[in-house]
N, C-alpha and C. Protein backbone atom coordinates (compact mmCIF):
# COMPACT_ATOMS: atom_id res chain seq x y z
N MET A 1 6.90 6.99 -15.27
CA MET A 1 8.20 6.70 -14.52
C MET A 1 8.53 7.78 -13.41
N ILE A 2 9.10 7.64 -12.57
CA ILE A 2 8.94 8.95 -11.46
C ILE A 2 10.52 9.61 -11.98
N HIS A 3 10.22 11.06 -11.88
CA HIS A 3 11.33 11.81 -12.27
C HIS A 3 12.58 12.05 -11.73
N PRO A 4 13.96 11.92 -11.78
CA PRO A 4 14.67 11.80 -10.79
C PRO A 4 14.69 13.04 -10.41
N THR A 5 14.52 14.11 -10.40
CA THR A 5 14.09 15.44 -10.00
C THR A 5 13.36 15.19 -8.37
N THR A 6 12.63 14.38 -8.64
CA THR A 6 11.45 13.70 -7.51
C THR A 6 12.20 13.12 -6.36
N LEU A 7 12.79 12.31 -6.91
CA LEU A 7 13.86 11.52 -5.88
C LEU A 7 14.83 12.18 -5.33
N ASP A 8 15.66 13.15 -5.94
CA ASP A 8 16.63 13.85 -5.47
C ASP A 8 16.03 14.92 -4.52
N PHE A 9 14.65 15.55 -4.65
CA PHE A 9 14.23 16.02 -3.89
C PHE A 9 14.10 15.53 -2.18
N LEU A 10 13.24 14.26 -2.22
CA LEU A 10 13.07 13.80 -1.20
C LEU A 10 14.30 13.17 -0.32
N LYS A 11 15.33 13.00 -1.23
CA LYS A 11 16.56 12.62 -0.52
C LYS A 11 17.07 13.91 0.41
N LYS A 12 16.95 14.88 -0.50
CA LYS A 12 17.55 16.11 0.41
C LYS A 12 16.61 16.71 1.53
N LEU A 13 15.14 16.24 1.08
CA LEU A 13 14.62 16.83 2.43
C LEU A 13 14.57 15.79 3.75
N LYS A 14 15.18 14.68 3.38
CA LYS A 14 15.52 13.64 4.74
C LYS A 14 16.57 14.19 5.45
N SER A 15 17.40 15.08 4.72
CA SER A 15 18.59 15.57 5.46
C SER A 15 18.57 16.87 5.78
N ASN A 16 17.09 17.68 5.46
CA ASN A 16 16.91 18.86 5.75
C ASN A 16 15.53 19.27 5.87
N ASN A 17 15.13 18.06 6.87
CA ASN A 17 13.52 18.31 7.17
C ASN A 17 13.32 19.27 8.22
N ASN A 18 13.09 20.69 7.84
CA ASN A 18 12.86 21.79 8.56
C ASN A 18 12.31 22.62 7.58
N ARG A 19 11.16 23.32 8.36
CA ARG A 19 10.71 24.78 7.78
C ARG A 19 11.33 25.41 6.93
N ASP A 20 12.29 25.84 7.17
CA ASP A 20 13.06 26.74 6.57
C ASP A 20 13.53 26.36 5.21
N TRP A 21 13.98 25.16 5.23
CA TRP A 21 14.65 24.37 3.91
C TRP A 21 13.55 24.19 3.08
N PHE A 22 12.44 23.75 3.53
CA PHE A 22 11.09 23.27 2.61
C PHE A 22 10.52 24.82 2.10
N GLU A 23 10.37 25.81 2.85
CA GLU A 23 9.86 26.91 2.08
C GLU A 23 10.70 27.56 0.78
N LYS A 24 12.10 27.31 1.10
CA LYS A 24 12.85 27.50 0.30
C LYS A 24 12.90 26.90 -1.11
N ASN A 25 12.15 25.60 -0.65
CA ASN A 25 12.50 24.73 -1.98
C ASN A 25 11.02 24.18 -1.93
N ARG A 26 10.13 25.05 -1.93
CA ARG A 26 8.82 24.61 -2.25
C ARG A 26 8.26 24.31 -3.44
N LEU A 27 9.16 25.10 -4.73
CA LEU A 27 9.06 24.93 -5.97
C LEU A 27 9.43 23.37 -6.37
N ARG A 28 10.43 22.98 -5.75
CA ARG A 28 10.80 21.56 -5.94
C ARG A 28 10.17 20.80 -5.66
N TYR A 29 9.15 20.94 -4.15
CA TYR A 29 8.26 19.98 -3.66
C TYR A 29 6.79 19.89 -4.56
N ASP A 30 6.68 21.34 -5.12
CA ASP A 30 5.60 21.18 -6.17
C ASP A 30 5.66 20.60 -7.25
N ALA A 31 6.88 20.43 -7.56
CA ALA A 31 7.15 19.68 -8.95
C ALA A 31 7.27 18.29 -8.65
N ALA A 32 7.67 17.72 -7.53
CA ALA A 32 7.86 16.48 -7.08
C ALA A 32 6.26 15.89 -6.74
N LYS A 33 5.46 16.85 -6.20
CA LYS A 33 4.23 16.06 -5.91
C LYS A 33 3.32 15.94 -7.28
N ALA A 34 3.51 16.94 -8.02
CA ALA A 34 2.88 17.11 -9.60
C ALA A 34 3.22 15.36 -10.36
N ASP A 35 4.76 15.22 -10.12
CA ASP A 35 5.21 14.44 -10.64
C ASP A 35 4.56 12.85 -10.24
N VAL A 36 4.42 12.91 -8.90
CA VAL A 36 3.79 11.29 -8.51
C VAL A 36 2.49 11.38 -8.81
N GLU A 37 1.79 12.84 -8.80
CA GLU A 37 0.47 12.78 -8.86
C GLU A 37 -0.17 12.00 -10.27
N THR A 38 0.78 12.69 -11.42
CA THR A 38 0.56 12.08 -12.75
C THR A 38 0.76 10.54 -13.00
N ASN A 39 1.71 10.04 -12.12
CA ASN A 39 2.12 8.72 -12.32
C ASN A 39 0.82 7.91 -11.35
N VAL A 40 0.28 8.42 -10.55
CA VAL A 40 -0.70 7.60 -9.78
C VAL A 40 -1.88 7.89 -10.69
N GLU A 41 -2.30 8.86 -11.14
CA GLU A 41 -3.54 8.86 -12.32
C GLU A 41 -3.31 7.93 -13.37
N SER A 42 -1.70 7.70 -14.13
CA SER A 42 -1.84 6.59 -14.71
C SER A 42 -1.93 5.04 -14.42
N ILE A 43 -1.37 5.01 -12.98
CA ILE A 43 -1.71 3.88 -12.49
C ILE A 43 -3.29 3.59 -12.07
N ILE A 44 -4.17 4.57 -11.67
CA ILE A 44 -5.23 4.38 -11.30
C ILE A 44 -5.98 3.74 -12.61
N THR A 45 -5.78 4.49 -13.88
CA THR A 45 -6.35 4.00 -14.80
C THR A 45 -6.23 2.67 -15.62
N SER A 46 -4.98 2.15 -15.13
CA SER A 46 -4.53 0.87 -15.42
C SER A 46 -5.01 -0.16 -14.26
N ILE A 47 -5.18 0.40 -13.40
CA ILE A 47 -6.07 -0.68 -12.04
C ILE A 47 -7.46 -0.67 -12.44
N ARG A 48 -8.05 0.37 -13.32
CA ARG A 48 -9.62 0.49 -13.44
C ARG A 48 -9.94 -0.70 -14.24
N GLN A 49 -9.13 -0.99 -15.25
CA GLN A 49 -9.25 -1.83 -16.16
C GLN A 49 -9.23 -3.37 -15.68
N PHE A 50 -9.06 -3.85 -14.74
CA PHE A 50 -9.09 -5.10 -13.71
C PHE A 50 -9.66 -4.95 -12.52
N ASP A 51 -10.03 -3.77 -12.12
CA ASP A 51 -10.55 -3.92 -10.45
C ASP A 51 -11.76 -2.88 -10.84
N PRO A 52 -13.14 -3.12 -11.16
CA PRO A 52 -14.30 -2.33 -11.19
C PRO A 52 -14.60 -1.49 -9.96
N ARG A 53 -13.92 -1.67 -8.40
CA ARG A 53 -14.25 -1.11 -7.45
C ARG A 53 -13.70 0.08 -7.75
N ILE A 54 -12.61 0.35 -8.27
CA ILE A 54 -11.79 1.88 -8.80
C ILE A 54 -12.58 2.49 -9.56
N THR A 55 -13.80 3.03 -9.50
CA THR A 55 -14.52 3.76 -10.04
C THR A 55 -14.00 5.31 -10.50
N ALA A 56 -14.77 5.80 -11.56
CA ALA A 56 -13.93 7.22 -12.21
C ALA A 56 -13.80 8.15 -11.27
N ASP A 57 -14.60 8.40 -10.25
CA ASP A 57 -14.37 9.48 -9.22
C ASP A 57 -13.45 9.22 -8.54
N ILE A 58 -12.63 8.15 -8.44
CA ILE A 58 -11.53 8.03 -7.75
C ILE A 58 -10.24 8.80 -8.25
N THR A 59 -9.85 9.85 -8.00
CA THR A 59 -8.74 10.61 -8.97
C THR A 59 -7.24 10.60 -7.94
N ALA A 60 -6.36 10.80 -8.54
CA ALA A 60 -4.78 10.79 -8.00
C ALA A 60 -5.04 11.94 -6.75
N LYS A 61 -5.75 13.20 -7.04
CA LYS A 61 -5.57 13.96 -6.20
C LYS A 61 -6.25 13.83 -4.72
N LYS A 62 -7.38 12.65 -5.09
CA LYS A 62 -8.16 12.31 -3.82
C LYS A 62 -7.06 11.14 -2.92
N CYS A 63 -6.08 10.50 -3.69
CA CYS A 63 -5.91 9.11 -3.17
C CYS A 63 -4.14 9.69 -2.49
N LEU A 64 -3.72 10.69 -3.16
CA LEU A 64 -2.23 11.26 -2.38
C LEU A 64 -2.42 11.58 -0.94
N PHE A 65 -1.54 11.29 0.02
CA PHE A 65 -1.56 11.46 1.52
C PHE A 65 -0.55 12.99 1.35
N ARG A 66 -0.80 14.01 2.26
CA ARG A 66 -0.24 14.91 2.73
C ARG A 66 1.03 14.79 3.18
N ILE A 67 2.36 15.44 2.62
CA ILE A 67 3.82 15.31 3.10
C ILE A 67 3.86 16.10 4.64
N TYR A 68 2.89 16.57 5.24
CA TYR A 68 3.18 16.95 6.50
C TYR A 68 2.82 16.25 7.53
N ARG A 69 3.73 15.90 8.64
CA ARG A 69 3.49 15.09 9.46
C ARG A 69 2.75 15.66 10.77
N ASP A 70 1.85 14.68 11.31
CA ASP A 70 1.14 15.17 12.53
C ASP A 70 1.85 14.88 13.76
N VAL A 71 2.50 16.05 14.31
CA VAL A 71 3.27 15.85 15.16
C VAL A 71 2.88 16.21 16.67
N ARG A 72 1.43 16.43 16.68
CA ARG A 72 1.01 16.43 17.96
C ARG A 72 1.05 15.69 19.18
N PHE A 73 1.19 14.58 19.11
CA PHE A 73 1.43 13.26 19.93
C PHE A 73 2.65 12.58 19.60
N SER A 74 3.74 13.01 19.07
CA SER A 74 4.71 12.54 18.80
C SER A 74 6.18 13.16 19.12
N LYS A 75 7.22 12.30 19.66
CA LYS A 75 8.64 13.03 20.37
C LYS A 75 9.37 13.22 19.01
N ASP A 76 8.77 12.58 18.14
CA ASP A 76 9.47 12.96 16.43
C ASP A 76 8.92 14.11 16.17
N LYS A 77 9.76 15.40 16.00
CA LYS A 77 9.05 16.75 15.56
C LYS A 77 9.21 17.00 14.23
N ARG A 78 9.88 16.28 13.38
CA ARG A 78 9.86 16.73 12.22
C ARG A 78 8.79 16.84 11.47
N PRO A 79 9.03 17.98 11.03
CA PRO A 79 7.41 18.48 10.39
C PRO A 79 7.18 17.69 8.71
N TYR A 80 7.72 17.02 8.13
CA TYR A 80 7.70 16.46 6.75
C TYR A 80 8.19 15.16 6.99
N LYS A 81 6.94 14.04 6.31
CA LYS A 81 7.38 12.92 5.73
C LYS A 81 8.70 13.34 4.62
N ASN A 82 9.35 11.94 4.70
CA ASN A 82 10.30 11.53 3.67
C ASN A 82 10.11 10.82 2.73
N ASN A 83 8.75 10.97 2.44
CA ASN A 83 7.73 10.14 1.12
C ASN A 83 6.68 10.95 0.43
N LEU A 84 6.60 10.47 -0.69
CA LEU A 84 4.96 11.04 -0.70
C LEU A 84 4.07 9.63 -1.14
N GLY A 85 3.43 9.29 -1.08
CA GLY A 85 2.36 7.98 -1.25
C GLY A 85 1.03 8.49 -1.36
N ALA A 86 0.34 7.62 -1.99
CA ALA A 86 -1.14 7.34 -2.50
C ALA A 86 -1.70 6.12 -2.19
N SER A 87 -2.88 6.12 -1.67
CA SER A 87 -3.62 5.11 -1.26
C SER A 87 -4.95 5.13 -2.34
N ILE A 88 -4.98 3.93 -3.26
CA ILE A 88 -5.78 4.16 -4.17
C ILE A 88 -6.94 2.79 -3.64
N ASN A 89 -8.02 3.46 -3.31
CA ASN A 89 -8.88 2.73 -2.34
C ASN A 89 -10.14 2.91 -2.76
N PRO A 90 -10.97 1.59 -3.09
CA PRO A 90 -12.95 2.17 -3.18
C PRO A 90 -12.96 2.66 -1.79
N GLY A 91 -13.89 4.07 -2.19
CA GLY A 91 -14.48 4.63 -0.75
C GLY A 91 -13.34 5.81 -0.44
N GLY A 92 -12.50 5.81 -0.87
CA GLY A 92 -11.42 6.76 -0.66
C GLY A 92 -10.30 6.55 0.49
N LYS A 93 -8.97 7.05 0.67
CA LYS A 93 -7.85 6.59 0.97
C LYS A 93 -7.99 5.95 2.56
N LYS A 94 -8.88 6.43 3.35
CA LYS A 94 -9.08 6.22 4.65
C LYS A 94 -10.32 5.29 4.64
N ALA A 95 -10.77 4.52 3.52
CA ALA A 95 -12.29 3.69 3.78
C ALA A 95 -11.30 2.09 4.23
N ILE A 96 -12.31 1.29 4.82
CA ILE A 96 -12.11 0.23 5.09
C ILE A 96 -12.68 -0.62 4.14
N ALA A 97 -11.18 -0.68 3.50
CA ALA A 97 -11.46 -1.58 2.19
C ALA A 97 -10.05 -1.88 1.70
N PRO A 98 -10.13 -3.33 0.99
CA PRO A 98 -8.85 -3.56 0.47
C PRO A 98 -8.94 -3.22 -0.87
N GLY A 99 -7.12 -2.20 -0.75
CA GLY A 99 -6.83 -1.49 -1.91
C GLY A 99 -5.42 -1.57 -2.24
N TYR A 100 -4.80 -0.49 -2.88
CA TYR A 100 -3.80 -0.35 -3.24
C TYR A 100 -2.80 0.92 -2.99
N TYR A 101 -1.41 0.60 -2.72
CA TYR A 101 -0.55 1.51 -2.15
C TYR A 101 0.45 1.69 -2.85
N PHE A 102 0.95 3.10 -3.35
CA PHE A 102 2.10 3.50 -3.93
C PHE A 102 3.11 4.34 -2.88
N HIS A 103 4.27 3.92 -2.71
CA HIS A 103 5.20 4.76 -1.72
C HIS A 103 6.33 5.25 -2.67
N VAL A 104 6.74 6.10 -2.58
CA VAL A 104 7.74 7.37 -3.19
C VAL A 104 8.86 7.73 -2.24
N GLU A 105 9.92 6.81 -2.06
CA GLU A 105 10.85 7.41 -1.29
C GLU A 105 12.33 7.08 -1.77
N ALA A 106 13.29 7.96 -1.30
CA ALA A 106 14.63 7.39 -2.25
C ALA A 106 15.23 6.34 -1.53
N GLY A 107 15.36 5.43 -2.23
CA GLY A 107 15.84 4.24 -1.44
C GLY A 107 14.96 3.21 -0.56
N GLY A 108 13.59 3.68 -0.53
CA GLY A 108 12.74 2.98 -0.19
C GLY A 108 11.47 2.89 -0.76
N ALA A 109 11.31 2.77 -1.70
CA ALA A 109 9.92 2.73 -2.58
C ALA A 109 9.46 1.46 -2.39
N PHE A 110 8.24 1.27 -2.57
CA PHE A 110 7.58 -0.06 -2.90
C PHE A 110 5.97 0.13 -3.24
N LEU A 111 5.14 -1.00 -3.53
CA LEU A 111 3.66 -1.12 -3.88
C LEU A 111 3.53 -1.83 -3.06
N ALA A 112 2.40 -1.75 -2.40
CA ALA A 112 1.51 -2.60 -1.37
C ALA A 112 -0.18 -2.47 -1.46
N GLY A 113 -0.68 -3.42 -0.91
CA GLY A 113 -2.08 -3.76 -0.95
C GLY A 113 -2.56 -4.38 -0.09
N GLY A 114 -3.85 -4.91 -0.19
CA GLY A 114 -4.54 -5.57 0.96
C GLY A 114 -5.48 -4.84 1.65
N ILE A 115 -5.66 -4.93 3.04
CA ILE A 115 -6.08 -4.06 4.07
C ILE A 115 -5.18 -4.13 5.60
N TRP A 116 -5.15 -2.78 5.85
CA TRP A 116 -4.40 -2.84 6.93
C TRP A 116 -4.91 -2.49 8.29
N GLN A 117 -4.96 -3.05 9.52
CA GLN A 117 -5.42 -3.20 10.88
C GLN A 117 -6.79 -3.05 10.63
N PRO A 118 -7.84 -3.72 9.92
CA PRO A 118 -9.01 -3.47 9.95
C PRO A 118 -9.52 -3.58 11.19
N PRO A 119 -11.09 -3.00 11.68
CA PRO A 119 -11.44 -2.49 13.28
C PRO A 119 -11.96 -4.39 13.42
N ALA A 120 -12.00 -4.15 14.70
CA ALA A 120 -12.50 -5.76 15.16
C ALA A 120 -13.78 -6.53 14.13
N PRO A 121 -14.45 -5.80 13.80
CA PRO A 121 -15.67 -6.73 13.45
C PRO A 121 -15.06 -7.21 11.89
N GLU A 122 -14.38 -6.09 10.88
CA GLU A 122 -14.00 -6.98 9.99
C GLU A 122 -12.76 -7.68 9.96
N LEU A 123 -12.20 -7.37 11.17
CA LEU A 123 -11.13 -8.62 11.11
C LEU A 123 -11.83 -9.96 11.37
N ALA A 124 -12.73 -10.15 12.01
CA ALA A 124 -13.29 -11.34 12.71
C ALA A 124 -13.76 -12.00 11.50
N LYS A 125 -14.44 -10.85 10.59
CA LYS A 125 -15.02 -11.77 9.34
C LYS A 125 -14.10 -11.94 8.31
N ILE A 126 -12.57 -11.63 8.12
CA ILE A 126 -11.64 -11.86 7.50
C ILE A 126 -10.98 -13.32 7.90
N ARG A 127 -11.22 -13.21 9.07
CA ARG A 127 -10.64 -14.43 10.04
C ARG A 127 -11.63 -15.80 9.62
N GLN A 128 -13.03 -15.33 9.60
CA GLN A 128 -13.72 -16.35 9.55
C GLN A 128 -13.76 -16.68 8.09
N GLU A 129 -13.32 -15.77 7.00
CA GLU A 129 -13.61 -16.45 5.50
C GLU A 129 -12.00 -17.26 5.45
N ILE A 130 -11.38 -17.20 5.92
CA ILE A 130 -10.05 -17.89 5.67
C ILE A 130 -10.58 -19.07 6.42
N ASP A 131 -10.83 -19.21 7.53
CA ASP A 131 -11.16 -20.34 8.09
C ASP A 131 -12.26 -21.22 7.31
N TYR A 132 -13.23 -20.69 6.70
CA TYR A 132 -14.18 -21.50 5.89
C TYR A 132 -13.68 -21.97 4.40
N ASN A 133 -12.94 -21.22 3.94
CA ASN A 133 -12.43 -21.31 2.73
C ASN A 133 -10.77 -21.20 2.59
N PHE A 134 -10.11 -21.93 3.48
CA PHE A 134 -8.73 -22.00 3.78
C PHE A 134 -8.26 -22.42 2.28
N ASP A 135 -8.61 -23.25 1.52
CA ASP A 135 -8.29 -23.76 0.35
C ASP A 135 -7.91 -22.75 -0.70
N GLU A 136 -9.32 -22.07 -0.96
CA GLU A 136 -9.13 -20.95 -1.74
C GLU A 136 -8.27 -20.28 -1.51
N PHE A 137 -8.05 -19.45 -0.05
CA PHE A 137 -7.05 -18.76 0.08
C PHE A 137 -5.60 -19.01 0.03
N ASN A 138 -5.44 -20.34 0.83
CA ASN A 138 -4.04 -21.17 0.29
C ASN A 138 -3.72 -20.98 -1.39
N LYS A 139 -4.67 -21.28 -2.42
CA LYS A 139 -4.40 -21.14 -3.47
C LYS A 139 -3.61 -19.74 -3.90
N ILE A 140 -4.45 -18.64 -3.39
CA ILE A 140 -4.11 -17.41 -3.79
C ILE A 140 -3.12 -16.96 -3.16
N VAL A 141 -2.34 -17.29 -2.34
CA VAL A 141 -1.03 -17.02 -1.69
C VAL A 141 0.04 -18.06 -1.97
N THR A 142 -0.27 -18.94 -2.61
CA THR A 142 0.93 -19.54 -3.36
C THR A 142 0.99 -19.65 -4.60
N HIS A 143 0.15 -19.13 -5.47
CA HIS A 143 0.19 -18.84 -6.84
C HIS A 143 1.64 -18.06 -7.16
N LYS A 144 2.08 -18.64 -8.28
CA LYS A 144 3.32 -18.41 -8.65
C LYS A 144 3.48 -16.90 -8.97
N SER A 145 2.47 -16.20 -9.51
CA SER A 145 2.82 -14.56 -9.35
C SER A 145 2.79 -14.00 -8.29
N PHE A 146 2.07 -14.39 -7.36
CA PHE A 146 1.86 -13.69 -5.79
C PHE A 146 3.11 -14.32 -5.34
N ARG A 147 3.87 -15.34 -5.30
CA ARG A 147 5.15 -15.83 -4.70
C ARG A 147 6.21 -14.56 -5.33
N LYS A 148 6.11 -14.63 -6.94
CA LYS A 148 7.20 -13.81 -7.53
C LYS A 148 7.43 -12.44 -7.17
N TYR A 149 5.83 -11.42 -6.72
CA TYR A 149 6.44 -10.30 -6.33
C TYR A 149 5.83 -10.07 -4.57
N PHE A 150 5.74 -11.08 -4.12
CA PHE A 150 5.28 -10.64 -2.72
C PHE A 150 5.93 -11.87 -1.47
N GLY A 151 5.99 -13.07 -2.34
CA GLY A 151 6.69 -13.90 -1.08
C GLY A 151 5.64 -14.57 -0.59
N SER A 152 5.01 -13.75 0.32
CA SER A 152 3.63 -13.92 1.19
C SER A 152 3.00 -12.79 1.89
N LEU A 153 2.11 -13.26 2.37
CA LEU A 153 1.64 -12.02 3.28
C LEU A 153 2.70 -11.24 4.53
N ASP A 154 2.97 -10.02 4.24
CA ASP A 154 3.44 -9.46 5.68
C ASP A 154 3.39 -9.97 6.99
N GLN A 155 4.28 -10.46 7.77
CA GLN A 155 4.29 -10.97 8.92
C GLN A 155 4.41 -10.18 10.06
N ASP A 156 4.61 -8.99 9.83
CA ASP A 156 4.68 -7.73 11.24
C ASP A 156 4.01 -8.04 12.02
N ASP A 157 2.47 -7.59 11.33
CA ASP A 157 1.72 -7.49 12.25
C ASP A 157 0.66 -8.35 12.66
N LYS A 158 1.15 -9.39 13.75
CA LYS A 158 0.19 -10.50 14.05
C LYS A 158 0.34 -10.90 15.38
N LEU A 159 -0.53 -11.72 15.91
CA LEU A 159 -0.78 -12.18 17.37
C LEU A 159 0.49 -12.88 17.64
N VAL A 160 0.77 -13.04 19.08
CA VAL A 160 1.57 -13.78 19.92
C VAL A 160 0.92 -15.34 19.78
N THR A 161 -0.32 -14.90 20.54
CA THR A 161 -1.56 -16.41 20.49
C THR A 161 -2.29 -16.55 19.48
N CYS A 162 -2.95 -17.33 19.75
CA CYS A 162 -4.18 -17.42 18.73
C CYS A 162 -5.18 -16.80 18.95
N PRO A 163 -5.96 -16.48 17.91
CA PRO A 163 -6.79 -15.54 17.90
C PRO A 163 -8.02 -16.39 18.68
N LYS A 164 -9.01 -15.72 19.69
CA LYS A 164 -9.78 -16.45 20.30
C LYS A 164 -10.74 -17.52 19.31
N GLY A 165 -11.31 -18.72 19.90
CA GLY A 165 -11.72 -19.39 18.68
C GLY A 165 -11.40 -20.38 17.70
N TYR A 166 -10.17 -20.42 17.71
CA TYR A 166 -9.57 -21.05 16.78
C TYR A 166 -8.45 -22.03 17.23
N PRO A 167 -8.11 -23.28 17.24
CA PRO A 167 -7.27 -24.41 17.80
C PRO A 167 -5.78 -23.73 17.16
N LYS A 168 -4.65 -24.02 18.20
CA LYS A 168 -3.50 -23.63 17.81
C LYS A 168 -2.91 -24.69 16.58
N ASP A 169 -3.64 -25.82 16.45
CA ASP A 169 -3.27 -26.77 15.17
C ASP A 169 -4.17 -26.17 14.07
N HIS A 170 -4.96 -25.27 13.98
CA HIS A 170 -5.48 -24.64 12.93
C HIS A 170 -4.54 -24.86 11.56
N PRO A 171 -4.94 -25.40 10.08
CA PRO A 171 -4.05 -25.43 9.37
C PRO A 171 -3.87 -23.99 8.84
N ALA A 172 -4.52 -23.00 8.73
CA ALA A 172 -4.05 -21.58 8.40
C ALA A 172 -3.87 -20.91 9.89
N ILE A 173 -3.44 -20.85 11.07
CA ILE A 173 -3.09 -20.42 12.20
C ILE A 173 -2.22 -19.06 11.94
N ASP A 174 -1.41 -19.46 10.88
CA ASP A 174 -0.12 -18.28 10.98
C ASP A 174 -0.86 -17.02 10.21
N PHE A 175 -2.03 -17.46 9.14
CA PHE A 175 -2.82 -16.22 8.74
C PHE A 175 -3.71 -15.60 9.62
N LEU A 176 -4.61 -16.76 10.55
CA LEU A 176 -5.30 -16.32 11.31
C LEU A 176 -4.96 -15.43 12.38
N LYS A 177 -3.81 -15.31 12.93
CA LYS A 177 -2.99 -15.04 13.81
C LYS A 177 -2.86 -13.19 13.23
N LEU A 178 -2.77 -13.08 11.91
CA LEU A 178 -2.50 -11.76 11.65
C LEU A 178 -3.53 -10.61 12.14
N LYS A 179 -2.95 -9.53 12.45
CA LYS A 179 -3.92 -8.37 12.43
C LYS A 179 -4.33 -7.54 11.13
N SER A 180 -3.26 -7.77 10.32
CA SER A 180 -3.50 -6.75 8.87
C SER A 180 -2.94 -8.13 7.72
N PHE A 181 -3.73 -7.69 6.69
CA PHE A 181 -3.29 -8.52 5.68
C PHE A 181 -2.83 -7.85 4.38
N VAL A 182 -1.52 -7.82 4.31
CA VAL A 182 -0.80 -6.93 3.53
C VAL A 182 0.17 -7.53 2.59
N VAL A 183 0.34 -7.10 1.75
CA VAL A 183 1.42 -7.56 0.80
C VAL A 183 2.32 -6.15 0.42
N VAL A 184 3.52 -6.40 0.25
CA VAL A 184 4.46 -5.40 0.08
C VAL A 184 5.31 -6.16 -1.13
N ALA A 185 5.39 -5.38 -2.26
CA ALA A 185 6.86 -5.61 -3.20
C ALA A 185 7.46 -4.43 -3.31
N GLU A 186 9.03 -4.64 -2.85
CA GLU A 186 9.77 -3.50 -2.57
C GLU A 186 10.35 -3.30 -4.20
N LEU A 187 10.44 -1.91 -4.31
CA LEU A 187 11.20 -1.45 -5.42
C LEU A 187 12.35 -0.44 -5.28
N SER A 188 13.20 -0.50 -6.32
CA SER A 188 14.61 -0.16 -6.39
C SER A 188 14.29 1.42 -6.91
N ASP A 189 15.37 2.07 -6.76
CA ASP A 189 15.22 3.44 -7.76
C ASP A 189 15.15 3.46 -8.77
N LYS A 190 16.21 2.49 -9.24
CA LYS A 190 15.98 1.94 -10.64
C LYS A 190 15.14 1.65 -11.65
N GLU A 191 14.09 0.98 -10.65
CA GLU A 191 12.84 0.55 -11.09
C GLU A 191 11.48 1.78 -11.06
N ILE A 192 11.90 2.70 -10.35
CA ILE A 192 10.83 3.81 -10.57
C ILE A 192 11.01 4.72 -11.50
N LEU A 193 12.42 4.70 -11.60
CA LEU A 193 12.84 5.73 -12.71
C LEU A 193 12.78 5.00 -14.06
N SER A 194 12.58 3.86 -14.15
CA SER A 194 12.53 3.05 -15.44
C SER A 194 11.43 3.78 -15.99
N LYS A 195 11.59 3.63 -17.79
CA LYS A 195 10.40 3.83 -18.60
C LYS A 195 9.24 2.66 -18.42
N GLN A 196 9.65 1.71 -18.15
CA GLN A 196 9.01 0.42 -17.70
C GLN A 196 8.20 0.18 -16.49
N PHE A 197 8.47 1.56 -15.61
CA PHE A 197 7.43 1.22 -14.27
C PHE A 197 6.11 1.60 -14.30
N SER A 198 5.11 1.94 -15.30
CA SER A 198 3.89 1.82 -15.27
C SER A 198 3.41 0.07 -15.32
N LYS A 199 4.46 -0.34 -16.40
CA LYS A 199 3.88 -1.74 -16.71
C LYS A 199 4.33 -2.73 -15.68
N THR A 200 5.18 -2.13 -14.86
CA THR A 200 5.85 -2.87 -13.70
C THR A 200 4.56 -2.92 -12.54
N ALA A 201 4.45 -1.52 -12.46
CA ALA A 201 3.06 -1.44 -11.32
C ALA A 201 1.88 -1.88 -11.73
N THR A 202 1.62 -2.20 -12.84
CA THR A 202 0.44 -2.81 -13.50
C THR A 202 0.56 -4.22 -13.05
N ALA A 203 1.43 -4.86 -13.51
CA ALA A 203 1.54 -6.29 -12.80
C ALA A 203 1.51 -6.52 -11.74
N VAL A 204 2.24 -5.91 -10.74
CA VAL A 204 2.17 -5.86 -9.28
C VAL A 204 0.93 -5.57 -8.96
N PHE A 205 0.31 -4.75 -8.82
CA PHE A 205 -1.13 -4.47 -8.55
C PHE A 205 -2.35 -5.44 -8.95
N ASN A 206 -2.13 -5.97 -10.15
CA ASN A 206 -2.69 -6.98 -11.00
C ASN A 206 -2.80 -8.02 -10.17
N ALA A 207 -1.41 -8.67 -9.27
CA ALA A 207 -1.45 -9.78 -8.60
C ALA A 207 -1.48 -9.74 -7.31
N MET A 208 -2.31 -8.47 -7.00
CA MET A 208 -2.68 -8.42 -5.58
C MET A 208 -4.51 -8.64 -5.62
N LEU A 209 -5.21 -8.63 -6.96
CA LEU A 209 -6.62 -8.64 -7.33
C LEU A 209 -7.39 -9.69 -6.74
N PRO A 210 -6.60 -11.21 -6.67
CA PRO A 210 -7.51 -11.97 -5.92
C PRO A 210 -7.31 -11.88 -4.87
N LEU A 211 -6.28 -11.18 -4.29
CA LEU A 211 -6.04 -11.10 -2.53
C LEU A 211 -7.13 -10.50 -2.14
N ASN A 212 -7.32 -9.22 -2.65
CA ASN A 212 -8.10 -8.01 -2.62
C ASN A 212 -9.77 -8.61 -2.67
N LYS A 213 -9.83 -9.08 -3.66
CA LYS A 213 -11.51 -9.54 -3.88
C LYS A 213 -11.74 -10.74 -3.06
N PHE A 214 -10.72 -11.31 -2.39
CA PHE A 214 -11.09 -12.51 -1.45
C PHE A 214 -11.52 -11.37 -0.06
N LEU A 215 -10.66 -10.74 0.17
CA LEU A 215 -10.71 -9.62 1.19
C LEU A 215 -12.06 -8.81 1.58
N GLN A 216 -12.43 -8.38 0.14
CA GLN A 216 -13.50 -7.60 0.06
C GLN A 216 -14.61 -8.64 0.28
N ARG A 217 -14.93 -9.63 -0.21
CA ARG A 217 -16.18 -10.60 -0.05
C ARG A 217 -16.42 -10.95 1.44
N ALA A 218 -15.24 -11.34 2.05
CA ALA A 218 -15.33 -11.40 3.82
C ALA A 218 -15.55 -10.31 4.53
N ILE A 219 -15.47 -9.01 3.94
CA ILE A 219 -15.99 -7.83 4.95
C ILE A 219 -17.38 -7.38 4.36
N ASP A 220 -17.82 -7.97 3.40
CA ASP A 220 -18.97 -7.21 2.70
C ASP A 220 -20.27 -7.93 3.25
């Protein structure tokens, strides 16, 4: 479970996103980061039981993202993120591979998975795999556990027109238009503060496994 003080820190950071406040509250940040790291380590251990791609060298420290924002090319000059996040991926958090993501934010926590904006060669391979094996893919995204946690693949990142080489009446066209293959399960503050959180996270990430295996096979 996430400790209430972690959410409280992130909530106050959102209202006080400046270096002076952050430095005065650095010990609270350190405690929040350690809390999330402990939970991520537990999640990694659980995922490792059903996904052998998550090997022993993948640790929470390697999966956590920095809280500091890169503001060099942004009009938004706030120095810190309002969340703490971790990407549990074979090959590291920045690797091009389907994986698992944990996002901790007051009022906006979620678990996610899949592959976000793969480069053109990998994207073409995924579309081809869906084209060749749509029956298999469709069974994955219509399975009851998949629908229970995610509903469907996230539809925000997609082409307006059909991708080159695929007809507009292709039975999988709604999936072939996607530029990211991501699923998201939103969590309430109550859920991540619950003693049952580890069990919930394990169940959600396990429900992502068939999709991740399909995507991994496509890009291998």
